[in-house]
């Protein structure tokens, strides 16, 4: 009975967030969203999700803090280096045939994925002809992405990932270290547009040649996954590329037929000519 009441509370909470703030988490996978809401409930010292809902509805400043629980914040530079190596070796030769490029980093969180692409494109001579769109629904994450400041103790892992991805330079060339923090060079953001965008409610905003959306779809239910993949297919130009996370696949979505597997193990897909 207790679990049933909790489920009702969670659904009412998500409905309230949508009605008041227009953030729509109602199509997120229930087990995942419940776990995160319980963490938030405990963090804010609430007895129940209903009590948390009362706080969020009446104290607008609470929303920012809550978003860090509801949106995924875990990332690293060149995460899953084989993914970036495959882009470097297999996708870049195709991208080099375009006079100009648009790359969409969907669900960019605090920017690690964006800086990975900016560095890779600089190393491969593509940066000057590329415009990057870095989007997320979490404004706080977008601000952190735009600042490009990370804990210095993360740099060892980032550096190793960069090396394994086939990096052609030293990662240290791209940041300055001071006071326990690494600040990435603002020149890496020269071709970047940071923007609030929801895969749940917003439309396509540009034609792109590459979409990278990793470790976001696993938090969506089937309907929402279908909506997101349809957005990516609509955004991508003919023979454009889509990259997903290591545990994600297009196989079970309604739009799988619009794509060919380009590098199966690295979850890289190419839009079909007649998609």
Protein backbone atom coordinates (compact mmCIF):
# COMPACT_ATOMS: atom_id res chain seq x y z
CA UNK A 1 0.00 0.00 0.00
CA UNK A 2 2.84 2.35 0.93
CA UNK A 3 4.45 1.88 -2.50
CA UNK A 4 1.13 2.63 -4.21
CA UNK A 5 0.80 5.92 -2.31
CA UNK A 6 4.41 6.81 -3.24
CA UNK A 7 3.63 6.15 -6.92
CA UNK A 8 0.59 8.45 -6.72
CA UNK A 9 2.69 11.13 -5.01
CA UNK A 10 5.41 10.90 -7.69
CA UNK A 11 2.88 11.21 -10.53
CA UNK A 12 1.20 14.20 -8.86
CA UNK A 13 4.60 15.78 -8.26
CA UNK A 14 5.63 15.45 -11.92
CA UNK A 15 2.26 16.85 -13.00
CA UNK A 16 2.71 19.83 -10.62
CA UNK A 17 6.22 20.58 -11.97
CA UNK A 18 4.83 20.50 -15.50
CA UNK A 19 1.84 22.75 -14.74
CA UNK A 20 3.82 25.33 -12.77
CA UNK A 21 7.26 25.35 -14.44
CA UNK A 22 6.61 23.67 -17.83
CA UNK A 23 9.34 21.09 -17.29
CA UNK A 24 7.94 17.74 -18.38
CA UNK A 25 9.39 14.69 -16.62
CA UNK A 26 6.17 12.65 -16.92
CA UNK A 27 7.61 10.45 -19.65
CA UNK A 28 10.81 9.59 -17.80
CA UNK A 29 11.37 5.98 -16.71
CA UNK A 30 9.49 5.61 -13.41
CA UNK A 31 12.11 3.63 -11.48
CA UNK A 32 14.81 6.18 -12.28
CA UNK A 33 12.74 9.29 -11.49
CA UNK A 34 11.44 7.75 -8.24
CA UNK A 35 14.96 7.00 -7.05
CA UNK A 36 16.06 10.57 -7.72
CA UNK A 37 13.00 12.12 -6.11
CA UNK A 38 13.55 10.04 -2.98
CA UNK A 39 17.14 11.34 -2.84
CA UNK A 40 15.82 14.91 -3.15
CA UNK A 41 13.15 14.26 -0.51
CA UNK A 42 15.80 13.05 1.94
CA UNK A 43 18.21 15.87 1.08
CA UNK A 44 15.60 18.56 1.77
CA UNK A 45 14.46 16.85 4.98
CA UNK A 46 10.95 16.13 3.74
CA UNK A 47 8.76 13.44 5.22
CA UNK A 48 7.13 12.66 1.87
CA UNK A 49 7.13 13.55 -1.83
CA UNK A 50 3.94 15.55 -1.17
CA UNK A 51 5.85 17.70 1.32
CA UNK A 52 8.60 18.20 -1.26
CA UNK A 53 5.94 19.16 -3.82
CA UNK A 54 4.55 21.80 -1.46
CA UNK A 55 8.03 23.34 -1.08
CA UNK A 56 8.74 23.37 -4.81
CA UNK A 57 5.39 24.91 -5.72
CA UNK A 58 5.68 27.71 -3.16
CA UNK A 59 9.43 28.40 -3.23
CA UNK A 60 10.57 29.02 -6.79
CA UNK A 61 14.24 29.09 -5.75
CA UNK A 62 13.87 25.37 -4.95
CA UNK A 63 13.49 24.48 -8.62
CA UNK A 64 17.17 24.97 -9.49
CA UNK A 65 18.27 22.72 -6.64
CA UNK A 66 15.70 20.11 -7.60
CA UNK A 67 16.80 20.09 -11.25
CA UNK A 68 20.20 18.79 -10.24
CA UNK A 69 18.39 15.69 -8.94
CA UNK A 70 16.00 15.31 -11.86
CA UNK A 71 18.55 15.70 -14.67
CA UNK A 72 21.60 13.53 -15.23
CA UNK A 73 24.85 15.22 -14.20
CA UNK A 74 27.38 12.41 -14.63
CA UNK A 75 29.87 12.84 -17.44
CA UNK A 76 33.56 13.08 -18.23
CA UNK A 77 35.74 14.32 -21.06
CA UNK A 78 36.08 11.74 -23.87
CA UNK A 79 33.83 9.34 -21.95
CA UNK A 80 33.98 5.91 -23.61
CA UNK A 81 37.14 6.77 -25.59
CA UNK A 82 36.33 4.15 -28.27
CA UNK A 83 33.31 6.26 -29.26
CA UNK A 84 35.51 9.28 -29.94
CA UNK A 85 38.15 7.16 -31.64
CA UNK A 86 35.48 5.83 -34.02
CA UNK A 87 34.32 9.39 -34.74
CA UNK A 88 37.93 10.42 -35.39
CA UNK A 89 38.73 7.49 -37.66
CA UNK A 90 35.41 6.70 -39.36
CA UNK A 91 33.12 9.76 -39.20
CA UNK A 92 35.57 12.67 -39.61
CA UNK A 93 36.56 11.64 -43.19
CA UNK A 94 32.86 12.05 -44.15
CA UNK A 95 32.50 15.34 -42.27
CA UNK A 96 35.54 16.76 -44.04
CA UNK A 97 33.58 16.70 -47.32
CA UNK A 98 31.15 19.39 -46.01
CA UNK A 99 32.00 23.09 -46.44
CA UNK A 100 30.24 23.86 -43.14
CA UNK A 101 29.01 21.73 -40.27
CA UNK A 102 26.46 21.90 -37.49
CA UNK A 103 26.83 19.58 -34.51
CA UNK A 104 24.14 19.17 -31.85
CA UNK A 105 25.20 18.00 -28.38
CA UNK A 106 21.78 17.16 -26.94
CA UNK A 107 21.62 16.92 -23.15
CA UNK A 108 25.06 18.51 -22.81
CA UNK A 109 24.84 18.65 -18.99
CA UNK A 110 27.89 20.44 -17.55
CA UNK A 111 29.76 20.49 -20.87
CA UNK A 112 32.24 17.60 -20.78
CA UNK A 113 30.85 16.13 -24.02
CA UNK A 114 30.94 19.52 -25.73
CA UNK A 115 34.60 20.15 -24.88
CA UNK A 116 35.46 16.64 -26.07
CA UNK A 117 33.97 17.46 -29.48
CA UNK A 118 35.49 20.95 -29.64
CA UNK A 119 38.96 19.54 -28.93
CA UNK A 120 38.56 16.62 -31.34
CA UNK A 121 37.31 18.92 -34.12
CA UNK A 122 40.20 21.32 -33.52
CA UNK A 123 42.70 18.44 -33.72
CA UNK A 124 41.09 17.20 -36.95
CA UNK A 125 40.98 20.64 -38.58
CA UNK A 126 37.18 20.91 -38.54
CA UNK A 127 36.65 23.50 -35.81
CA UNK A 128 36.65 26.62 -37.98
CA UNK A 129 33.84 25.33 -40.22
CA UNK A 130 31.68 23.99 -37.37
CA UNK A 131 28.90 25.48 -35.27
CA UNK A 132 28.12 23.52 -32.09
CA UNK A 133 24.72 23.62 -30.42
CA UNK A 134 25.02 22.59 -26.75
CA UNK A 135 21.54 22.13 -25.28
CA UNK A 136 20.09 21.05 -21.96
CA UNK A 137 16.97 21.71 -19.89
CA UNK A 138 18.99 22.46 -16.76
CA UNK A 139 20.00 26.14 -16.70
CA UNK A 140 22.50 25.57 -13.91
CA UNK A 141 24.24 22.87 -15.97
CA UNK A 142 24.34 25.17 -19.02
CA UNK A 143 26.01 27.89 -16.93
CA UNK A 144 28.64 25.40 -15.77
CA UNK A 145 29.18 24.23 -19.35
CA UNK A 146 29.68 27.80 -20.49
CA UNK A 147 32.17 28.45 -17.68
CA UNK A 148 34.20 25.32 -18.54
CA UNK A 149 35.67 24.92 -15.05
CA UNK A 150 36.26 21.42 -13.62
CA UNK A 151 37.97 19.99 -10.55
CA UNK A 152 41.67 19.57 -11.20
CA UNK A 153 41.64 16.07 -9.75
CA UNK A 154 39.43 14.96 -12.69
CA UNK A 155 42.10 15.89 -15.24
CA UNK A 156 44.07 12.65 -14.87
CA UNK A 157 41.05 10.62 -16.03
CA UNK A 158 40.18 13.16 -18.73
CA UNK A 159 43.78 13.10 -20.00
CA UNK A 160 43.84 9.30 -20.20
CA UNK A 161 40.48 9.25 -22.00
CA UNK A 162 41.77 11.83 -24.48
CA UNK A 163 44.88 9.72 -25.15
CA UNK A 164 42.80 6.56 -25.67
CA UNK A 165 40.49 8.45 -28.05
CA UNK A 166 43.44 9.02 -30.38
CA UNK A 167 44.21 12.54 -29.16
CA UNK A 168 46.88 14.27 -31.25
CA UNK A 169 47.92 16.88 -28.69
CA UNK A 170 48.26 17.18 -24.93
CA UNK A 171 44.98 17.86 -23.12
CA UNK A 172 46.92 20.32 -20.93
CA UNK A 173 47.19 22.57 -24.01
CA UNK A 174 43.49 23.35 -23.64
CA UNK A 175 43.17 24.41 -20.01
CA UNK A 176 44.88 26.44 -17.30
CA UNK A 177 45.16 25.11 -13.76
CA UNK A 178 44.85 27.26 -10.64
CA UNK A 179 43.46 26.87 -7.13
CA UNK A 180 42.46 23.24 -7.61
CA UNK A 181 40.45 23.95 -10.75
CA UNK A 182 41.03 23.48 -14.47
CA UNK A 183 39.54 26.19 -16.69
CA UNK A 184 39.16 25.32 -20.37
CA UNK A 185 40.28 27.89 -22.92
CA UNK A 186 37.46 30.20 -23.97
CA UNK A 187 38.55 29.82 -27.61
CA UNK A 188 36.96 26.34 -27.47
CA UNK A 189 33.58 28.09 -27.05
CA UNK A 190 34.07 30.45 -29.99
CA UNK A 191 31.79 28.36 -32.23
CA UNK A 192 29.32 27.25 -29.56
CA UNK A 193 25.70 28.24 -28.99
CA UNK A 194 24.44 27.26 -25.51
CA UNK A 195 20.68 26.92 -25.35
CA UNK A 196 17.84 25.69 -23.18
CA UNK A 197 16.12 22.89 -25.15
CA UNK A 198 13.87 20.03 -24.09
CA UNK A 199 13.74 16.77 -26.04
CA UNK A 200 10.32 16.25 -24.41
CA UNK A 201 8.51 19.40 -25.52
CA UNK A 202 10.63 21.42 -27.98
CA UNK A 203 10.96 21.19 -31.77
CA UNK A 204 13.92 20.84 -34.13
CA UNK A 205 15.80 24.15 -34.48
CA UNK A 206 18.48 23.49 -37.13
CA UNK A 207 19.67 21.09 -39.80
CA UNK A 208 22.70 19.26 -38.45
CA UNK A 209 25.31 16.81 -39.73
CA UNK A 210 26.00 15.17 -36.37
CA UNK A 211 23.86 14.67 -33.26
CA UNK A 212 25.43 13.29 -30.10
CA UNK A 213 22.93 12.38 -27.38
CA UNK A 214 24.50 9.92 -24.99
CA UNK A 215 23.07 8.42 -21.82
CA UNK A 216 19.86 10.44 -22.00
CA UNK A 217 17.45 8.03 -23.73
CA UNK A 218 17.95 5.39 -21.01
CA UNK A 219 16.05 7.70 -18.65
CA UNK A 220 13.05 8.02 -21.01
CA UNK A 221 10.09 5.70 -21.44
CA UNK A 222 9.39 4.23 -24.90
CA UNK A 223 7.12 7.06 -26.12
CA UNK A 224 9.66 9.69 -25.16
CA UNK A 225 12.50 7.74 -26.75
CA UNK A 226 10.48 7.65 -29.97
CA UNK A 227 9.89 11.41 -29.80
CA UNK A 228 13.58 12.16 -29.24
CA UNK A 229 14.79 9.89 -32.06
CA UNK A 230 12.21 11.44 -34.41
CA UNK A 231 13.66 14.88 -33.52
CA UNK A 232 17.18 13.66 -34.31
CA UNK A 233 16.07 12.16 -37.63
CA UNK A 234 14.30 15.42 -38.56
CA UNK A 235 17.34 17.49 -37.59
CA UNK A 236 19.95 15.42 -39.42
CA UNK A 237 20.80 16.13 -43.02
CA UNK A 238 20.91 13.30 -45.54
CA UNK A 239 23.56 10.77 -44.44
CA UNK A 240 24.13 12.67 -41.17
CA UNK A 241 25.38 10.86 -38.06
CA UNK A 242 23.81 10.07 -34.69
CA UNK A 243 25.76 8.92 -31.64
CA UNK A 244 24.13 7.27 -28.62
CA UNK A 245 25.38 5.99 -25.26
CA UNK A 246 26.95 2.59 -24.69
CA UNK A 247 23.73 1.09 -23.28
CA UNK A 248 21.41 2.66 -25.85
CA UNK A 249 20.16 1.43 -29.21
CA UNK A 250 17.75 2.48 -31.96
CA UNK A 251 16.67 -1.12 -32.51
CA UNK A 252 13.46 -0.93 -30.47
CA UNK A 253 12.35 2.57 -31.49
CA UNK A 254 9.72 3.38 -34.12
CA UNK A 255 12.31 5.21 -36.20
CA UNK A 256 15.08 2.59 -36.45
CA UNK A 257 14.37 2.15 -40.18
CA UNK A 258 15.57 5.71 -40.83
CA UNK A 259 19.13 4.78 -39.83
CA UNK A 260 21.89 2.33 -40.70
CA UNK A 261 24.30 1.05 -38.09
CA UNK A 262 27.55 2.78 -38.94
CA UNK A 263 29.79 1.56 -36.10
CA UNK A 264 27.70 -0.89 -34.09
CA UNK A 265 29.91 -1.33 -31.02
CA UNK A 266 30.31 2.44 -30.60
CA UNK A 267 26.57 3.14 -31.13
CA UNK A 268 27.12 5.33 -34.17
CA UNK A 269 24.33 5.49 -36.76
CA UNK A 270 24.00 7.11 -40.17
CA UNK A 271 20.73 8.49 -41.48
CA UNK A 272 19.57 6.72 -44.61
CA UNK A 273 19.38 8.68 -47.85
CA UNK A 274 15.62 8.16 -48.20
CA UNK A 275 14.76 8.30 -44.51
